[in-house]
Amino acid sequence: MTRSLLTLSTLAAILAVFAVACGSGSGSDGGSNADLLPKITASDRIFTEEDFLSVGLKKSKTYDVTGLTGATSAIYGFWKPDGTEPVDYEIRFYPSHQEAVSSGTFFADEVTGPDGAVAEDDVTWNEGTRDRRTSGFTFGGGGGSLAVKYADYIIHSNVIMLCQGRDSVQSLGRCWAMIDEIVDTSG
């Protein structure tokens, strides 16, 4: 009897570990896959700062774009969609989609994702570097190092949007939520 109880307990433990491993998912808010949200999309529309302000983006700073190749302007601010917690955004404007892709991709890649640079000495364009990082406290209570605030970005039309998120799926979802809001409100 003891042996069958031990075997049953072992089997239950293995099943529990398997269930946790299979149920961990992507860690996103909606359980969606990052591949479903496009990162680079063209559009005939040329976006302006006013488009973002019109949907409630609160601009905190205007950055000097000297050294940000091809950019015409860049802003930092936050947005509270539907009364939720504020989410930080850095939005870089270019004269065209082609210019955003060809000139801006390197600069966005450099400061986003798990290997994104957070120190001024490690980035090519250091304007706003402090705004692009957050405390990297771990779930286990350890840490205190600096971490990337923007897990990912999109290039849509003539803008590059760096969007706050704990992972790529959350960042891309937040970027697209704002673009969708602009498109929906402007008709």
Protein backbone atom coordinates (compact mmCIF):
# COMPACT_ATOMS: atom_id res chain seq x y z
CA MET A 1 0.00 0.00 0.00
CA THR A 2 2.82 2.39 0.88
CA ARG A 3 4.52 1.63 -2.42
CA SER A 4 1.39 2.37 -4.49
CA LEU A 5 0.80 5.59 -2.51
CA LEU A 6 4.39 6.64 -3.23
CA THR A 7 3.95 5.85 -6.94
CA LEU A 8 0.68 7.79 -7.03
CA SER A 9 2.34 10.78 -5.31
CA THR A 10 5.23 10.70 -7.77
CA LEU A 11 2.83 10.55 -10.71
CA ALA A 12 0.83 13.49 -9.32
CA ALA A 13 4.02 15.54 -8.90
CA ILE A 14 5.10 14.82 -12.48
CA LEU A 15 1.68 15.80 -13.82
CA ALA A 16 1.73 19.02 -11.79
CA VAL A 17 5.14 19.99 -13.20
CA PHE A 18 3.95 19.17 -16.72
CA ALA A 19 0.77 21.24 -16.30
CA VAL A 20 2.71 24.27 -15.05
CA ALA A 21 5.24 24.01 -17.88
CA CYS A 22 2.57 23.70 -20.56
CA GLY A 23 0.38 26.43 -19.10
CA SER A 24 3.05 29.09 -18.77
CA GLY A 25 2.22 30.57 -22.20
CA SER A 26 3.78 33.69 -23.60
CA GLY A 27 3.19 35.92 -20.61
CA SER A 28 1.12 38.38 -22.59
CA ASP A 29 -2.02 40.13 -21.46
CA GLY A 30 -4.29 38.45 -23.98
CA GLY A 31 -2.41 35.23 -24.58
CA SER A 32 -1.78 36.24 -28.21
CA ASN A 33 1.34 35.50 -30.17
CA ALA A 34 3.84 38.26 -31.03
CA ASP A 35 3.93 36.96 -34.62
CA LEU A 36 0.32 38.11 -35.07
CA LEU A 37 1.23 41.76 -34.48
CA PRO A 38 3.26 43.22 -37.36
CA LYS A 39 6.37 45.16 -36.47
CA ILE A 40 6.84 47.12 -39.71
CA THR A 41 3.90 48.37 -41.78
CA ALA A 42 3.61 50.99 -44.48
CA SER A 43 0.76 53.46 -44.76
CA ASP A 44 -0.04 56.40 -47.03
CA ARG A 45 -0.75 58.52 -43.98
CA ILE A 46 1.96 60.75 -42.55
CA PHE A 47 1.56 60.97 -38.77
CA THR A 48 2.26 64.10 -36.74
CA GLU A 49 2.72 64.77 -33.06
CA GLU A 50 -0.81 66.21 -32.99
CA ASP A 51 -2.25 62.82 -34.02
CA PHE A 52 -0.88 61.27 -30.83
CA LEU A 53 -1.82 64.19 -28.59
CA SER A 54 -5.39 64.06 -29.95
CA VAL A 55 -5.95 60.59 -28.44
CA GLY A 56 -4.67 61.60 -25.03
CA LEU A 57 -0.91 61.10 -25.15
CA LYS A 58 0.55 63.35 -22.46
CA LYS A 59 3.85 64.69 -23.77
CA SER A 60 6.52 64.90 -21.09
CA LYS A 61 9.53 65.80 -23.23
CA THR A 62 10.61 66.79 -26.70
CA TYR A 63 14.00 65.31 -27.54
CA ASP A 64 16.81 66.91 -29.50
CA VAL A 65 17.17 64.65 -32.55
CA THR A 66 20.73 65.68 -33.35
CA GLY A 67 22.47 62.36 -33.91
CA LEU A 68 19.23 60.43 -34.57
CA THR A 69 19.82 59.98 -38.28
CA GLY A 70 16.90 60.98 -40.49
CA ALA A 71 14.49 61.89 -37.68
CA THR A 72 12.60 65.18 -37.81
CA SER A 73 11.45 65.06 -34.15
CA ALA A 74 11.03 62.74 -31.18
CA ILE A 75 8.81 62.93 -28.11
CA TYR A 76 8.41 61.04 -24.84
CA GLY A 77 5.18 60.76 -22.92
CA PHE A 78 2.54 58.49 -21.47
CA TRP A 79 -0.93 57.32 -22.42
CA LYS A 80 -3.69 55.94 -20.24
CA PRO A 81 -5.96 53.97 -22.56
CA ASP A 82 -9.45 53.55 -21.12
CA GLY A 83 -8.38 54.77 -17.69
CA THR A 84 -5.77 52.05 -17.20
CA GLU A 85 -2.34 52.58 -15.70
CA PRO A 86 -0.13 55.02 -17.64
CA VAL A 87 2.12 53.46 -20.27
CA ASP A 88 5.29 55.20 -21.49
CA TYR A 89 5.97 55.78 -25.18
CA GLU A 90 8.83 57.25 -27.17
CA ILE A 91 7.71 58.32 -30.62
CA ARG A 92 10.20 59.25 -33.34
CA PHE A 93 9.01 61.02 -36.48
CA TYR A 94 10.59 60.72 -39.93
CA PRO A 95 9.74 62.35 -43.27
CA SER A 96 8.62 59.00 -44.77
CA HIS A 97 8.16 55.31 -44.05
CA GLN A 98 11.24 54.49 -46.11
CA GLU A 99 13.35 56.92 -44.07
CA ALA A 100 12.02 55.50 -40.79
CA VAL A 101 12.95 51.97 -41.85
CA SER A 102 16.31 52.73 -43.42
CA SER A 103 17.58 55.26 -40.87
CA GLY A 104 15.71 54.45 -37.67
CA THR A 105 15.73 50.67 -37.31
CA PHE A 106 19.27 50.48 -35.95
CA PHE A 107 18.57 53.08 -33.25
CA ALA A 108 15.35 51.34 -32.15
CA ASP A 109 16.94 47.88 -32.09
CA GLU A 110 19.81 49.20 -30.00
CA VAL A 111 17.62 50.20 -27.02
CA THR A 112 14.80 47.62 -27.06
CA GLY A 113 14.45 43.95 -26.26
CA PRO A 114 16.18 41.79 -23.67
CA ASP A 115 19.63 42.92 -24.84
CA GLY A 116 18.75 46.61 -25.25
CA ALA A 117 21.32 49.12 -24.05
CA VAL A 118 20.41 51.13 -20.95
CA ALA A 119 23.58 53.12 -20.24
CA GLU A 120 24.48 56.36 -22.02
CA ASP A 121 27.94 54.99 -22.83
CA ASP A 122 26.39 52.02 -24.66
CA VAL A 123 24.02 53.82 -27.04
CA THR A 124 24.67 55.70 -30.27
CA TRP A 125 22.00 58.37 -29.65
CA ASN A 126 21.93 59.06 -25.92
CA GLU A 127 19.17 61.70 -25.75
CA GLY A 128 16.46 60.27 -23.45
CA THR A 129 18.50 57.27 -22.32
CA ARG A 130 17.34 57.63 -18.71
CA ASP A 131 13.71 57.61 -19.86
CA ARG A 132 14.23 54.27 -21.65
CA ARG A 133 15.13 52.28 -18.57
CA THR A 134 13.50 51.06 -15.41
CA SER A 135 14.55 49.25 -12.26
CA GLY A 136 15.04 45.59 -13.03
CA PHE A 137 13.62 44.07 -9.87
CA THR A 138 12.97 40.36 -10.24
CA PHE A 139 9.85 38.50 -9.21
CA GLY A 140 11.82 36.71 -6.49
CA GLY A 141 12.61 40.01 -4.81
CA GLY A 142 16.21 40.22 -5.95
CA GLY A 143 17.85 42.59 -8.32
CA GLY A 144 17.91 46.30 -8.54
CA SER A 145 19.81 46.65 -11.77
CA LEU A 146 18.62 48.77 -14.64
CA ALA A 147 16.45 47.13 -17.27
CA VAL A 148 15.03 48.08 -20.66
CA LYS A 149 11.62 49.79 -20.40
CA TYR A 150 10.66 49.14 -24.03
CA ALA A 151 10.61 45.43 -24.88
CA ASP A 152 9.82 46.20 -28.52
CA TYR A 153 8.80 48.82 -31.08
CA ILE A 154 6.88 49.24 -34.30
CA ILE A 155 7.56 51.19 -37.45
CA HIS A 156 4.24 52.33 -38.87
CA SER A 157 4.20 54.77 -41.73
CA ASN A 158 6.66 57.53 -40.82
CA VAL A 159 6.90 56.84 -37.08
CA ILE A 160 8.91 54.56 -34.87
CA MET A 161 7.13 53.89 -31.58
CA LEU A 162 8.95 52.42 -28.60
CA CYS A 163 6.27 51.11 -26.26
CA GLN A 164 6.62 50.12 -22.61
CA GLY A 165 6.12 46.43 -21.91
CA ARG A 166 7.52 43.48 -20.02
CA ASP A 167 7.87 41.47 -23.24
CA SER A 168 7.55 41.90 -26.98
CA VAL A 169 3.89 40.86 -27.10
CA GLN A 170 2.86 43.44 -24.51
CA SER A 171 4.92 46.20 -26.13
CA LEU A 172 3.61 45.51 -29.62
CA GLY A 173 0.04 45.31 -28.32
CA ARG A 174 0.42 48.69 -26.65
CA CYS A 175 1.92 50.25 -29.77
CA TRP A 176 -0.93 48.97 -31.93
CA ALA A 177 -3.56 50.03 -29.39
CA MET A 178 -2.46 53.64 -29.81
CA ILE A 179 -2.24 53.47 -33.61
CA ASP A 180 -5.70 51.87 -33.73
CA GLU A 181 -7.08 54.62 -31.49
CA ILE A 182 -5.67 57.32 -33.78
CA VAL A 183 -7.07 55.65 -36.90
CA ASP A 184 -10.47 55.04 -35.25
CA THR A 185 -10.86 58.63 -34.01
CA SER A 186 -9.67 60.31 -37.19
CA GLY A 187 -12.11 58.41 -39.37
